[in-house]
């Protein structure tokens, strides 16, 4: 399932950087277990958010892509 998640994200928006924990099997996992990289701070540490900053990447879109695989 992890591979499908990564492939789906990259199909929807290439070069998207995120970190995730555990399996991403449903919308709750998507909303709570994915950290989206939005930049770096002055110490070169990743700035992350659990809210996806990309309008084209939604759970519905990710799930649809995963189902195709």
Protein backbone atom coordinates (compact mmCIF):
# COMPACT_ATOMS: atom_id res chain seq x y z
CA UNK A 1 0.00 0.00 0.00
CA UNK A 2 2.89 2.37 0.74
CA UNK A 3 4.24 2.05 -2.80
CA UNK A 4 0.80 2.80 -4.22
CA UNK A 5 0.53 5.91 -2.04
CA UNK A 6 3.89 7.23 -3.23
CA UNK A 7 3.11 6.51 -6.89
CA UNK A 8 -0.31 8.16 -6.59
CA UNK A 9 1.14 11.32 -5.03
CA UNK A 10 3.77 11.57 -7.77
CA UNK A 11 1.18 11.06 -10.52
CA UNK A 12 -0.94 13.87 -9.13
CA UNK A 13 1.98 16.26 -8.58
CA UNK A 14 5.54 15.27 -9.43
CA UNK A 15 8.37 16.04 -7.02
CA UNK A 16 6.02 16.45 -4.06
CA UNK A 17 7.87 16.04 -0.80
CA UNK A 18 6.16 14.48 2.18
CA UNK A 19 6.82 12.17 5.07
CA UNK A 20 4.27 9.67 6.30
CA UNK A 21 3.89 7.28 9.18
CA UNK A 22 2.38 3.83 8.89
CA UNK A 23 -0.05 2.80 6.18
CA UNK A 24 -2.19 5.36 4.40
CA UNK A 25 -5.43 3.44 3.90
CA UNK A 26 -8.15 6.00 4.49
CA UNK A 27 -8.88 9.71 4.77
CA UNK A 28 -8.08 9.78 8.49
CA UNK A 29 -4.59 8.35 7.81
CA UNK A 30 -4.13 10.84 4.98
CA UNK A 31 -5.09 13.78 7.19
CA UNK A 32 -3.16 12.72 10.29
CA UNK A 33 -0.17 10.64 9.20
CA UNK A 34 1.26 12.67 6.33
CA UNK A 35 3.57 15.64 6.85
CA UNK A 36 3.83 17.85 3.77
CA UNK A 37 7.12 19.67 3.29
CA UNK A 38 6.52 23.33 2.52
CA UNK A 39 10.07 24.66 2.74
CA UNK A 40 13.06 24.96 5.06
CA UNK A 41 13.82 27.33 7.89
CA UNK A 42 17.04 29.26 8.55
CA UNK A 43 18.59 26.15 10.13
CA UNK A 44 17.84 24.13 6.97
CA UNK A 45 15.20 22.12 8.87
CA UNK A 46 12.09 21.09 6.98
CA UNK A 47 8.93 23.10 7.57
CA UNK A 48 5.98 20.71 7.53
CA UNK A 49 2.22 20.74 7.88
CA UNK A 50 -0.45 18.05 8.14
CA UNK A 51 -2.67 20.11 5.84
CA UNK A 52 -1.84 19.35 2.23
CA UNK A 53 -0.87 22.63 0.54
CA UNK A 54 -1.58 21.34 -2.97
CA UNK A 55 -5.16 21.62 -4.20
CA UNK A 56 -4.71 18.79 -6.71
CA UNK A 57 -3.77 16.33 -3.96
CA UNK A 58 -6.84 15.28 -2.01
CA UNK A 59 -7.67 11.97 -0.41
CA UNK A 60 -10.28 11.34 -3.10
CA UNK A 61 -7.75 11.92 -5.89
CA UNK A 62 -5.04 9.87 -4.16
CA UNK A 63 -7.44 6.99 -3.51
CA UNK A 64 -8.58 7.01 -7.15
CA UNK A 65 -4.98 6.78 -8.34
CA UNK A 66 -4.18 4.05 -5.82
CA UNK A 67 -7.18 2.03 -7.00
CA UNK A 68 -5.84 2.14 -10.58
CA UNK A 69 -2.61 0.43 -9.51
